[in-house]
Amino acid sequence: MTHYALPHDHDQNIQIVLERMPAPGKFTEAADFFQQLGDGTRLKILWLLCHSRECVSNIAAAVGMSKAAVSHHLQLLRRSGLVTGERVGQEIHYALAETREAALLHRTIDALFELTCPLE
C-alpha cells in the first residue's frame, strides 16, 4: 500500500481514494475520449452515427460539409475507437463502435440533447 505524503489530513479518507486512482495513462485516454466532444461538427457526426449507419456522402449532406472534411472527422473518430467502418460495395458505411466507451457516449449525447434514442 502506497502512502501519499499529503500536506493536510482532513479525515476524508483520501488515502483510500488515492489508492484506487487510475494510472496516469488512463486519464490521458479519458481526455482523448472526451476531446471528441470538443468539436461541434464531430459531435453532430457522432449523434448521427449513434442512431444510423451511414456513408460519407450521406453524413456530409446531413451536416452540410464536404466529403473531405467529414472524412477527416471520421478518421479521428476511428482512431479514437468510437466509430467503425465497413465496406459495402464501393462505399464505407460508418457506425458507432460497439464498445463500452461508445455506448457511454451514445447515452451522454442523448442526455445532452434531452432525447430518447429514436431506435429504442
C-alpha atoms as a PDB file:
ATOM      1  CA  MET A   1       0.000   0.000   0.000  1.00  0.00           C
ATOM      2  CA  THR A   2       1.485   3.303  -1.098  1.00  0.00           C
ATOM      3  CA  HIS A   3       1.199   6.130   1.367  1.00  0.00           C
ATOM      4  CA  TYR A   4       0.932   9.580  -0.137  1.00  0.00           C
ATOM      5  CA  ALA A   5       2.623  12.395   1.769  1.00  0.00           C
ATOM      6  CA  LEU A   6      -0.203  14.920   1.812  1.00  0.00           C
ATOM      7  CA  PRO A   7       0.306  18.277   3.497  1.00  0.00           C
ATOM      8  CA  HIS A   8      -3.008  18.098   5.414  1.00  0.00           C
ATOM      9  CA  ASP A   9      -5.156  15.401   6.995  1.00  0.00           C
ATOM     10  CA  HIS A  10      -8.844  16.341   6.840  1.00  0.00           C
ATOM     11  CA  ASP A  11     -10.141  12.893   7.846  1.00  0.00           C
ATOM     12  CA  GLN A  12     -11.722  12.478   4.417  1.00  0.00           C
ATOM     13  CA  ASN A  13     -10.246   9.042   3.578  1.00  0.00           C
ATOM     14  CA  ILE A  14      -8.196  10.496   0.743  1.00  0.00           C
ATOM     15  CA  GLN A  15      -5.541   7.802   1.155  1.00  0.00           C
ATOM     16  CA  ILE A  16      -8.161   5.172   0.246  1.00  0.00           C
ATOM     17  CA  VAL A  17      -9.296   7.224  -2.737  1.00  0.00           C
ATOM     18  CA  LEU A  18      -5.712   7.732  -3.906  1.00  0.00           C
ATOM     19  CA  GLU A  19      -5.015   4.001  -3.688  1.00  0.00           C
ATOM     20  CA  ARG A  20      -7.788   3.444  -6.234  1.00  0.00           C
ATOM     21  CA  MET A  21      -6.750   6.253  -8.572  1.00  0.00           C
ATOM     22  CA  PRO A  22      -6.267   5.035 -12.159  1.00  0.00           C
ATOM     23  CA  ALA A  23      -2.811   5.147 -13.725  1.00  0.00           C
ATOM     24  CA  PRO A  24      -1.848   8.464 -15.357  1.00  0.00           C
ATOM     25  CA  GLY A  25      -2.196   6.938 -18.832  1.00  0.00           C
ATOM     26  CA  LYS A  26      -5.866   6.161 -18.145  1.00  0.00           C
ATOM     27  CA  PHE A  27      -6.536   9.856 -17.557  1.00  0.00           C
ATOM     28  CA  THR A  28      -4.886  10.671 -20.895  1.00  0.00           C
ATOM     29  CA  GLU A  29      -7.081   8.076 -22.625  1.00  0.00           C
ATOM     30  CA  ALA A  30     -10.177   9.553 -20.986  1.00  0.00           C
ATOM     31  CA  ALA A  31      -9.165  13.071 -22.031  1.00  0.00           C
ATOM     32  CA  ASP A  32      -8.702  11.870 -25.632  1.00  0.00           C
ATOM     33  CA  PHE A  33     -12.167  10.297 -25.465  1.00  0.00           C
ATOM     34  CA  PHE A  34     -13.796  13.496 -24.207  1.00  0.00           C
ATOM     35  CA  GLN A  35     -11.846  15.593 -26.704  1.00  0.00           C
ATOM     36  CA  GLN A  36     -14.032  14.079 -29.417  1.00  0.00           C
ATOM     37  CA  LEU A  37     -16.932  16.045 -27.923  1.00  0.00           C
ATOM     38  CA  GLY A  38     -14.999  19.310 -28.161  1.00  0.00           C
ATOM     39  CA  ASP A  39     -15.859  19.900 -31.805  1.00  0.00           C
ATOM     40  CA  GLY A  40     -19.457  20.703 -32.809  1.00  0.00           C
ATOM     41  CA  THR A  41     -19.173  19.012 -36.197  1.00  0.00           C
ATOM     42  CA  ARG A  42     -17.732  15.841 -34.691  1.00  0.00           C
ATOM     43  CA  LEU A  43     -20.488  15.873 -32.087  1.00  0.00           C
ATOM     44  CA  LYS A  44     -23.095  16.149 -34.849  1.00  0.00           C
ATOM     45  CA  ILE A  45     -21.478  13.262 -36.747  1.00  0.00           C
ATOM     46  CA  LEU A  46     -21.376  11.200 -33.575  1.00  0.00           C
ATOM     47  CA  TRP A  47     -25.038  11.920 -32.922  1.00  0.00           C
ATOM     48  CA  LEU A  48     -25.926  10.727 -36.430  1.00  0.00           C
ATOM     49  CA  LEU A  49     -23.839   7.581 -36.040  1.00  0.00           C
ATOM     50  CA  CYS A  50     -25.385   6.843 -32.652  1.00  0.00           C
ATOM     51  CA  HIS A  51     -28.661   6.413 -34.476  1.00  0.00           C
ATOM     52  CA  SER A  52     -27.764   5.333 -38.002  1.00  0.00           C
ATOM     53  CA  ARG A  53     -25.158   3.545 -40.104  1.00  0.00           C
ATOM     54  CA  GLU A  54     -24.200   5.916 -42.940  1.00  0.00           C
ATOM     55  CA  CYS A  55     -21.759   6.537 -45.768  1.00  0.00           C
ATOM     56  CA  VAL A  56     -19.562   9.630 -46.031  1.00  0.00           C
ATOM     57  CA  SER A  57     -21.761  11.170 -48.737  1.00  0.00           C
ATOM     58  CA  ASN A  58     -24.901  10.998 -46.583  1.00  0.00           C
ATOM     59  CA  ILE A  59     -23.085  12.237 -43.496  1.00  0.00           C
ATOM     60  CA  ALA A  60     -21.600  15.150 -45.471  1.00  0.00           C
ATOM     61  CA  ALA A  61     -25.035  16.114 -46.817  1.00  0.00           C
ATOM     62  CA  ALA A  62     -26.600  15.838 -43.347  1.00  0.00           C
ATOM     63  CA  VAL A  63     -24.011  18.081 -41.665  1.00  0.00           C
ATOM     64  CA  GLY A  64     -23.550  20.471 -44.597  1.00  0.00           C
ATOM     65  CA  MET A  65     -19.832  19.828 -45.112  1.00  0.00           C
ATOM     66  CA  SER A  66     -17.598  18.495 -47.838  1.00  0.00           C
ATOM     67  CA  LYS A  67     -16.924  14.764 -48.005  1.00  0.00           C
ATOM     68  CA  ALA A  68     -13.230  15.501 -47.434  1.00  0.00           C
ATOM     69  CA  ALA A  69     -13.945  17.395 -44.201  1.00  0.00           C
ATOM     70  CA  VAL A  70     -16.284  14.660 -42.959  1.00  0.00           C
ATOM     71  CA  SER A  71     -13.706  12.001 -43.852  1.00  0.00           C
ATOM     72  CA  HIS A  72     -11.153  13.858 -41.730  1.00  0.00           C
ATOM     73  CA  HIS A  73     -13.507  13.859 -38.727  1.00  0.00           C
ATOM     74  CA  LEU A  74     -14.344  10.193 -39.276  1.00  0.00           C
ATOM     75  CA  GLN A  75     -10.652   9.336 -39.364  1.00  0.00           C
ATOM     76  CA  LEU A  76     -10.188  10.990 -35.949  1.00  0.00           C
ATOM     77  CA  LEU A  77     -13.216   9.176 -34.567  1.00  0.00           C
ATOM     78  CA  ARG A  78     -11.992   5.838 -35.930  1.00  0.00           C
ATOM     79  CA  ARG A  79      -8.563   6.381 -34.377  1.00  0.00           C
ATOM     80  CA  SER A  80     -10.199   7.037 -31.026  1.00  0.00           C
ATOM     81  CA  GLY A  81     -12.139   3.777 -31.336  1.00  0.00           C
ATOM     82  CA  LEU A  82     -15.545   5.439 -31.230  1.00  0.00           C
ATOM     83  CA  VAL A  83     -16.525   4.751 -34.847  1.00  0.00           C
ATOM     84  CA  THR A  84     -16.146   1.740 -37.110  1.00  0.00           C
ATOM     85  CA  GLY A  85     -16.337   1.463 -40.873  1.00  0.00           C
ATOM     86  CA  GLU A  86     -17.483  -1.440 -43.007  1.00  0.00           C
ATOM     87  CA  ARG A  87     -17.023  -1.661 -46.768  1.00  0.00           C
ATOM     88  CA  VAL A  88     -20.294  -2.165 -48.628  1.00  0.00           C
ATOM     89  CA  GLY A  89     -19.592  -2.285 -52.357  1.00  0.00           C
ATOM     90  CA  GLN A  90     -17.830   0.947 -53.302  1.00  0.00           C
ATOM     91  CA  GLU A  91     -18.696   2.715 -50.048  1.00  0.00           C
ATOM     92  CA  ILE A  92     -17.703   2.518 -46.428  1.00  0.00           C
ATOM     93  CA  HIS A  93     -20.613   2.628 -44.009  1.00  0.00           C
ATOM     94  CA  TYR A  94     -19.786   4.136 -40.638  1.00  0.00           C
ATOM     95  CA  ALA A  95     -21.409   3.388 -37.301  1.00  0.00           C
ATOM     96  CA  LEU A  96     -20.791   3.940 -33.647  1.00  0.00           C
ATOM     97  CA  ALA A  97     -18.406   1.284 -32.346  1.00  0.00           C
ATOM     98  CA  GLU A  98     -19.773  -1.453 -30.118  1.00  0.00           C
ATOM     99  CA  THR A  99     -17.625  -0.592 -27.128  1.00  0.00           C
ATOM    100  CA  ARG A 100     -18.356   0.418 -23.567  1.00  0.00           C
ATOM    101  CA  GLU A 101     -16.984   3.893 -24.290  1.00  0.00           C
ATOM    102  CA  ALA A 102     -19.124   4.345 -27.396  1.00  0.00           C
ATOM    103  CA  ALA A 103     -22.245   3.193 -25.531  1.00  0.00           C
ATOM    104  CA  LEU A 104     -21.468   5.710 -22.793  1.00  0.00           C
ATOM    105  CA  LEU A 105     -21.033   8.393 -25.423  1.00  0.00           C
ATOM    106  CA  HIS A 106     -24.382   7.468 -27.019  1.00  0.00           C
ATOM    107  CA  ARG A 107     -26.173   7.841 -23.678  1.00  0.00           C
ATOM    108  CA  THR A 108     -24.304  11.083 -22.956  1.00  0.00           C
ATOM    109  CA  ILE A 109     -25.171  12.618 -26.328  1.00  0.00           C
ATOM    110  CA  ASP A 110     -28.842  11.683 -25.985  1.00  0.00           C
ATOM    111  CA  ALA A 111     -28.891  13.110 -22.459  1.00  0.00           C
ATOM    112  CA  LEU A 112     -27.165  16.337 -23.554  1.00  0.00           C
ATOM    113  CA  PHE A 113     -29.837  16.923 -26.158  1.00  0.00           C
ATOM    114  CA  GLU A 114     -32.597  15.610 -23.878  1.00  0.00           C
ATOM    115  CA  LEU A 115     -33.557  12.967 -26.415  1.00  0.00           C
ATOM    116  CA  THR A 116     -34.731   9.442 -26.285  1.00  0.00           C
ATOM    117  CA  CYS A 117     -32.834   7.408 -28.850  1.00  0.00           C
ATOM    118  CA  PRO A 118     -35.066   7.074 -31.937  1.00  0.00           C
ATOM    119  CA  LEU A 119     -34.027   3.427 -32.206  1.00  0.00           C
ATOM    120  CA  GLU A 120     -35.199   2.437 -28.710  1.00  0.00           C
END
